[in-house]
C-alpha atoms as a PDB file:
ATOM      1  CA  UNK A   1    -256.893  64.231 -54.106  1.00  0.00           C
ATOM      2  CA  UNK A   2    -258.077  66.596 -51.351  1.00  0.00           C
ATOM      3  CA  UNK A   3    -260.229  65.036 -48.652  1.00  0.00           C
ATOM      4  CA  UNK A   4    -263.590  66.629 -47.952  1.00  0.00           C
ATOM      5  CA  UNK A   5    -265.287  66.477 -44.565  1.00  0.00           C
ATOM      6  CA  UNK A   6    -268.607  67.944 -43.439  1.00  0.00           C
ATOM      7  CA  UNK A   7    -268.893  70.534 -40.697  1.00  0.00           C
ATOM      8  CA  UNK A   8    -272.194  72.196 -39.899  1.00  0.00           C
ATOM      9  CA  UNK A   9    -273.588  70.955 -43.176  1.00  0.00           C
ATOM     10  CA  UNK A  10    -270.682  72.477 -45.134  1.00  0.00           C
ATOM     11  CA  UNK A  11    -267.933  70.493 -46.826  1.00  0.00           C
ATOM     12  CA  UNK A  12    -264.454  71.239 -45.482  1.00  0.00           C
ATOM     13  CA  UNK A  13    -261.541  70.921 -47.857  1.00  0.00           C
ATOM     14  CA  UNK A  14    -257.974  70.763 -46.551  1.00  0.00           C
ATOM     15  CA  UNK A  15    -256.696  74.355 -46.383  1.00  0.00           C
ATOM     16  CA  UNK A  16    -260.186  75.875 -45.986  1.00  0.00           C
ATOM     17  CA  UNK A  17    -260.255  78.908 -43.685  1.00  0.00           C
ATOM     18  CA  UNK A  18    -262.801  78.427 -40.901  1.00  0.00           C
ATOM     19  CA  UNK A  19    -263.860  80.158 -37.695  1.00  0.00           C
ATOM     20  CA  UNK A  20    -263.744  78.291 -34.360  1.00  0.00           C
ATOM     21  CA  UNK A  21    -266.349  79.919 -32.059  1.00  0.00           C
ATOM     22  CA  UNK A  22    -265.046  78.126 -28.940  1.00  0.00           C
ATOM     23  CA  UNK A  23    -261.580  79.705 -29.236  1.00  0.00           C
ATOM     24  CA  UNK A  24    -262.782  82.746 -31.175  1.00  0.00           C
ATOM     25  CA  UNK A  25    -260.017  82.084 -33.704  1.00  0.00           C
ATOM     26  CA  UNK A  26    -259.696  81.750 -37.453  1.00  0.00           C
ATOM     27  CA  UNK A  27    -257.748  78.735 -38.654  1.00  0.00           C
ATOM     28  CA  UNK A  28    -257.000  76.594 -41.668  1.00  0.00           C
ATOM     29  CA  UNK A  29    -258.555  73.158 -41.723  1.00  0.00           C
ATOM     30  CA  UNK A  30    -255.795  70.532 -41.862  1.00  0.00           C
ATOM     31  CA  UNK A  31    -257.391  67.151 -41.324  1.00  0.00           C
ATOM     32  CA  UNK A  32    -259.853  65.079 -39.339  1.00  0.00           C
ATOM     33  CA  UNK A  33    -258.481  63.858 -36.009  1.00  0.00           C
ATOM     34  CA  UNK A  34    -261.004  61.402 -34.578  1.00  0.00           C
ATOM     35  CA  UNK A  35    -264.191  63.345 -33.831  1.00  0.00           C
ATOM     36  CA  UNK A  36    -262.361  66.680 -34.144  1.00  0.00           C
ATOM     37  CA  UNK A  37    -261.126  68.960 -36.887  1.00  0.00           C
ATOM     38  CA  UNK A  38    -257.414  69.726 -36.763  1.00  0.00           C
ATOM     39  CA  UNK A  39    -256.835  73.468 -37.352  1.00  0.00           C
ATOM     40  CA  UNK A  40    -253.759  75.639 -37.466  1.00  0.00           C
ATOM     41  CA  UNK A  41    -253.496  79.434 -37.384  1.00  0.00           C
ATOM     42  CA  UNK A  42    -253.393  81.251 -40.717  1.00  0.00           C
ATOM     43  CA  UNK A  43    -249.704  81.779 -41.532  1.00  0.00           C
ATOM     44  CA  UNK A  44    -248.528  78.880 -39.388  1.00  0.00           C
ATOM     45  CA  UNK A  45    -248.310  78.097 -35.725  1.00  0.00           C
ATOM     46  CA  UNK A  46    -249.430  75.538 -33.177  1.00  0.00           C
ATOM     47  CA  UNK A  47    -252.335  73.329 -34.287  1.00  0.00           C
ATOM     48  CA  UNK A  48    -255.467  72.798 -32.202  1.00  0.00           C
ATOM     49  CA  UNK A  49    -258.504  70.560 -32.279  1.00  0.00           C
ATOM     50  CA  UNK A  50    -262.041  71.881 -32.658  1.00  0.00           C
ATOM     51  CA  UNK A  51    -265.475  70.264 -32.769  1.00  0.00           C
ATOM     52  CA  UNK A  52    -266.900  70.038 -36.271  1.00  0.00           C
ATOM     53  CA  UNK A  53    -270.351  71.131 -35.057  1.00  0.00           C
ATOM     54  CA  UNK A  54    -269.240  74.680 -34.174  1.00  0.00           C
ATOM     55  CA  UNK A  55    -267.071  75.386 -37.206  1.00  0.00           C
ATOM     56  CA  UNK A  56    -268.218  77.674 -39.984  1.00  0.00           C
ATOM     57  CA  UNK A  57    -266.502  79.215 -42.999  1.00  0.00           C
ATOM     58  CA  UNK A  58    -264.660  82.409 -42.040  1.00  0.00           C
ATOM     59  CA  UNK A  59    -266.148  85.660 -43.292  1.00  0.00           C
ATOM     60  CA  UNK A  60    -264.146  87.905 -45.624  1.00  0.00           C
ATOM     61  CA  UNK A  61    -263.469  90.280 -42.723  1.00  0.00           C
ATOM     62  CA  UNK A  62    -262.200  87.421 -40.509  1.00  0.00           C
ATOM     63  CA  UNK A  63    -259.905  86.185 -43.320  1.00  0.00           C
ATOM     64  CA  UNK A  64    -258.483  89.659 -43.895  1.00  0.00           C
ATOM     65  CA  UNK A  65    -258.027  90.196 -40.163  1.00  0.00           C
ATOM     66  CA  UNK A  66    -256.197  86.867 -39.756  1.00  0.00           C
ATOM     67  CA  UNK A  67    -253.935  87.572 -42.751  1.00  0.00           C
ATOM     68  CA  UNK A  68    -253.184  91.080 -41.511  1.00  0.00           C
ATOM     69  CA  UNK A  69    -252.320  89.731 -38.063  1.00  0.00           C
ATOM     70  CA  UNK A  70    -249.762  87.390 -39.657  1.00  0.00           C
ATOM     71  CA  UNK A  71    -248.188  90.206 -41.691  1.00  0.00           C
ATOM     72  CA  UNK A  72    -248.006  92.481 -38.632  1.00  0.00           C
ATOM     73  CA  UNK A  73    -246.422  89.755 -36.466  1.00  0.00           C
ATOM     74  CA  UNK A  74    -243.759  89.026 -39.086  1.00  0.00           C
ATOM     75  CA  UNK A  75    -243.037  92.725 -39.492  1.00  0.00           C
ATOM     76  CA  UNK A  76    -242.713  93.148 -35.728  1.00  0.00           C
ATOM     77  CA  UNK A  77    -240.356  90.141 -35.499  1.00  0.00           C
ATOM     78  CA  UNK A  78    -238.121  91.588 -38.239  1.00  0.00           C
ATOM     79  CA  UNK A  79    -238.169  94.986 -36.546  1.00  0.00           C
ATOM     80  CA  UNK A  80    -237.189  93.483 -33.187  1.00  0.00           C
ATOM     81  CA  UNK A  81    -234.402  91.422 -34.775  1.00  0.00           C
ATOM     82  CA  UNK A  82    -233.060  94.501 -36.573  1.00  0.00           C
ATOM     83  CA  UNK A  83    -233.310  96.494 -33.371  1.00  0.00           C
ATOM     84  CA  UNK A  84    -231.345  93.846 -31.450  1.00  0.00           C
ATOM     85  CA  UNK A  85    -228.627  93.910 -34.121  1.00  0.00           C
ATOM     86  CA  UNK A  86    -228.355  97.705 -34.001  1.00  0.00           C
ATOM     87  CA  UNK A  87    -228.317  98.069 -30.216  1.00  0.00           C
ATOM     88  CA  UNK A  88    -224.759  97.013 -29.606  1.00  0.00           C
ATOM     89  CA  UNK A  89    -222.819  98.895 -27.007  1.00  0.00           C
ATOM     90  CA  UNK A  90    -219.140  99.275 -27.692  1.00  0.00           C
ATOM     91  CA  UNK A  91    -216.999 100.387 -24.834  1.00  0.00           C
ATOM     92  CA  UNK A  92    -213.868 102.396 -25.513  1.00  0.00           C
ATOM     93  CA  UNK A  93    -210.825 100.756 -23.993  1.00  0.00           C
ATOM     94  CA  UNK A  94    -207.628 102.839 -24.061  1.00  0.00           C
ATOM     95  CA  UNK A  95    -205.058 100.209 -25.048  1.00  0.00           C
ATOM     96  CA  UNK A  96    -201.382 101.110 -24.969  1.00  0.00           C
ATOM     97  CA  UNK A  97    -199.353 100.163 -28.046  1.00  0.00           C
ATOM     98  CA  UNK A  98    -195.803  99.123 -27.247  1.00  0.00           C
ATOM     99  CA  UNK A  99    -192.879  97.494 -29.014  1.00  0.00           C
ATOM    100  CA  UNK A 100    -192.743  93.761 -28.345  1.00  0.00           C
ATOM    101  CA  UNK A 101    -189.706  93.262 -26.107  1.00  0.00           C
ATOM    102  CA  UNK A 102    -189.363  89.607 -27.161  1.00  0.00           C
ATOM    103  CA  UNK A 103    -188.649  90.468 -30.825  1.00  0.00           C
ATOM    104  CA  UNK A 104    -185.782  92.559 -32.186  1.00  0.00           C
ATOM    105  CA  UNK A 105    -186.596  95.357 -34.647  1.00  0.00           C
ATOM    106  CA  UNK A 106    -185.211  95.170 -38.181  1.00  0.00           C
ATOM    107  CA  UNK A 107    -183.662  97.936 -40.282  1.00  0.00           C
ATOM    108  CA  UNK A 108    -183.040  97.758 -44.018  1.00  0.00           C
ATOM    109  CA  UNK A 109    -182.372  99.882 -47.090  1.00  0.00           C
ATOM    110  CA  UNK A 110    -182.844  99.521 -50.842  1.00  0.00           C
ATOM    111  CA  UNK A 111    -181.119 101.550 -53.523  1.00  0.00           C
ATOM    112  CA  UNK A 112    -183.648 103.386 -55.706  1.00  0.00           C
ATOM    113  CA  UNK A 113    -181.071 105.314 -57.765  1.00  0.00           C
ATOM    114  CA  UNK A 114    -180.585 104.707 -61.462  1.00  0.00           C
ATOM    115  CA  UNK A 115    -181.092 106.391 -64.792  1.00  0.00           C
ATOM    116  CA  UNK A 116    -184.000 104.372 -66.149  1.00  0.00           C
ATOM    117  CA  UNK A 117    -184.686 101.783 -63.431  1.00  0.00           C
ATOM    118  CA  UNK A 118    -183.921 101.401 -59.749  1.00  0.00           C
ATOM    119  CA  UNK A 119    -180.609  99.794 -58.888  1.00  0.00           C
ATOM    120  CA  UNK A 120    -182.447  97.450 -56.527  1.00  0.00           C
ATOM    121  CA  UNK A 121    -179.466  96.596 -54.335  1.00  0.00           C
ATOM    122  CA  UNK A 122    -180.537  95.824 -50.753  1.00  0.00           C
ATOM    123  CA  UNK A 123    -178.768  95.900 -47.418  1.00  0.00           C
ATOM    124  CA  UNK A 124    -180.732  92.975 -46.054  1.00  0.00           C
ATOM    125  CA  UNK A 125    -182.204  92.936 -42.557  1.00  0.00           C
ATOM    126  CA  UNK A 126    -179.943  94.501 -39.939  1.00  0.00           C
ATOM    127  CA  UNK A 127    -180.310  94.615 -36.168  1.00  0.00           C
ATOM    128  CA  UNK A 128    -179.180  98.244 -35.796  1.00  0.00           C
ATOM    129  CA  UNK A 129    -179.557 101.413 -37.897  1.00  0.00           C
ATOM    130  CA  UNK A 130    -175.794 102.000 -37.863  1.00  0.00           C
ATOM    131  CA  UNK A 131    -175.325  98.761 -39.835  1.00  0.00           C
ATOM    132  CA  UNK A 132    -177.667 100.064 -42.571  1.00  0.00           C
ATOM    133  CA  UNK A 133    -175.854 103.433 -42.656  1.00  0.00           C
ATOM    134  CA  UNK A 134    -172.541 101.644 -43.132  1.00  0.00           C
ATOM    135  CA  UNK A 135    -174.035  99.710 -46.079  1.00  0.00           C
ATOM    136  CA  UNK A 136    -175.395 102.973 -47.582  1.00  0.00           C
ATOM    137  CA  UNK A 137    -171.929 104.610 -47.462  1.00  0.00           C
ATOM    138  CA  UNK A 138    -170.228 101.554 -48.963  1.00  0.00           C
ATOM    139  CA  UNK A 139    -172.811 101.261 -51.792  1.00  0.00           C
ATOM    140  CA  UNK A 140    -172.504 105.002 -52.578  1.00  0.00           C
ATOM    141  CA  UNK A 141    -168.692 104.771 -52.733  1.00  0.00           C
ATOM    142  CA  UNK A 142    -168.951 101.801 -55.077  1.00  0.00           C
ATOM    143  CA  UNK A 143    -171.740 103.063 -57.404  1.00  0.00           C
ATOM    144  CA  UNK A 144    -172.112 106.826 -56.752  1.00  0.00           C
ATOM    145  CA  UNK A 145    -175.851 106.216 -56.127  1.00  0.00           C
ATOM    146  CA  UNK A 146    -177.395 108.743 -53.761  1.00  0.00           C
ATOM    147  CA  UNK A 147    -181.067 107.749 -53.265  1.00  0.00           C
ATOM    148  CA  UNK A 148    -182.254 104.961 -50.925  1.00  0.00           C
ATOM    149  CA  UNK A 149    -185.469 103.737 -49.361  1.00  0.00           C
ATOM    150  CA  UNK A 150    -185.010 102.904 -45.693  1.00  0.00           C
ATOM    151  CA  UNK A 151    -187.427 100.636 -43.804  1.00  0.00           C
ATOM    152  CA  UNK A 152    -187.956  99.818 -40.186  1.00  0.00           C
ATOM    153  CA  UNK A 153    -190.010  96.874 -38.939  1.00  0.00           C
ATOM    154  CA  UNK A 154    -190.906  95.692 -35.484  1.00  0.00           C
ATOM    155  CA  UNK A 155    -193.638  93.804 -33.654  1.00  0.00           C
ATOM    156  CA  UNK A 156    -196.190  95.705 -31.614  1.00  0.00           C
ATOM    157  CA  UNK A 157    -198.344  94.481 -28.756  1.00  0.00           C
ATOM    158  CA  UNK A 158    -201.485  96.110 -27.424  1.00  0.00           C
ATOM    159  CA  UNK A 159    -201.621  96.248 -23.665  1.00  0.00           C
ATOM    160  CA  UNK A 160    -205.041  96.735 -22.050  1.00  0.00           C
ATOM    161  CA  UNK A 161    -205.377  98.960 -19.002  1.00  0.00           C
ATOM    162  CA  UNK A 162    -205.074  97.194 -15.663  1.00  0.00           C
ATOM    163  CA  UNK A 163    -208.823  97.254 -14.873  1.00  0.00           C
ATOM    164  CA  UNK A 164    -209.561  95.386 -18.137  1.00  0.00           C
ATOM    165  CA  UNK A 165    -206.738  92.859 -17.991  1.00  0.00           C
ATOM    166  CA  UNK A 166    -207.447  91.968 -14.353  1.00  0.00           C
ATOM    167  CA  UNK A 167    -203.848  92.449 -13.248  1.00  0.00           C
END
């Protein structure tokens, strides 16, 4: 059940929209707090206390104005949040990409010759390209296959310029 309280000869129901002439604000009646009415802004916000004697029901124009103020504030908050997200500054940093000296590169080959399907024979990982070439020659002598897929793999490191890395 909703509590009803009198203000200026009018009954106030919880949630009623009233005008507080002392603060010149429209608020929703929440509850009675001692000799005062507890009000909060339309749309939410910090509550305040007002004397019952000065309160009156808000006019249609005051209700519309309070509701519009809430909508405008929310729209502005969303716009500012979106604006903050979009205003990022990215700085170009010319990193140098280099081969990692702590890791050895790998060379390999796979036979892709065959009438209907690839042969699939592989050299395995080798530490030097000459080792892969030796495997290619040996496999060709053994099978007469002539088509291979060669791969090279290494580790790369990105090195920032000195002014960024603090060196």
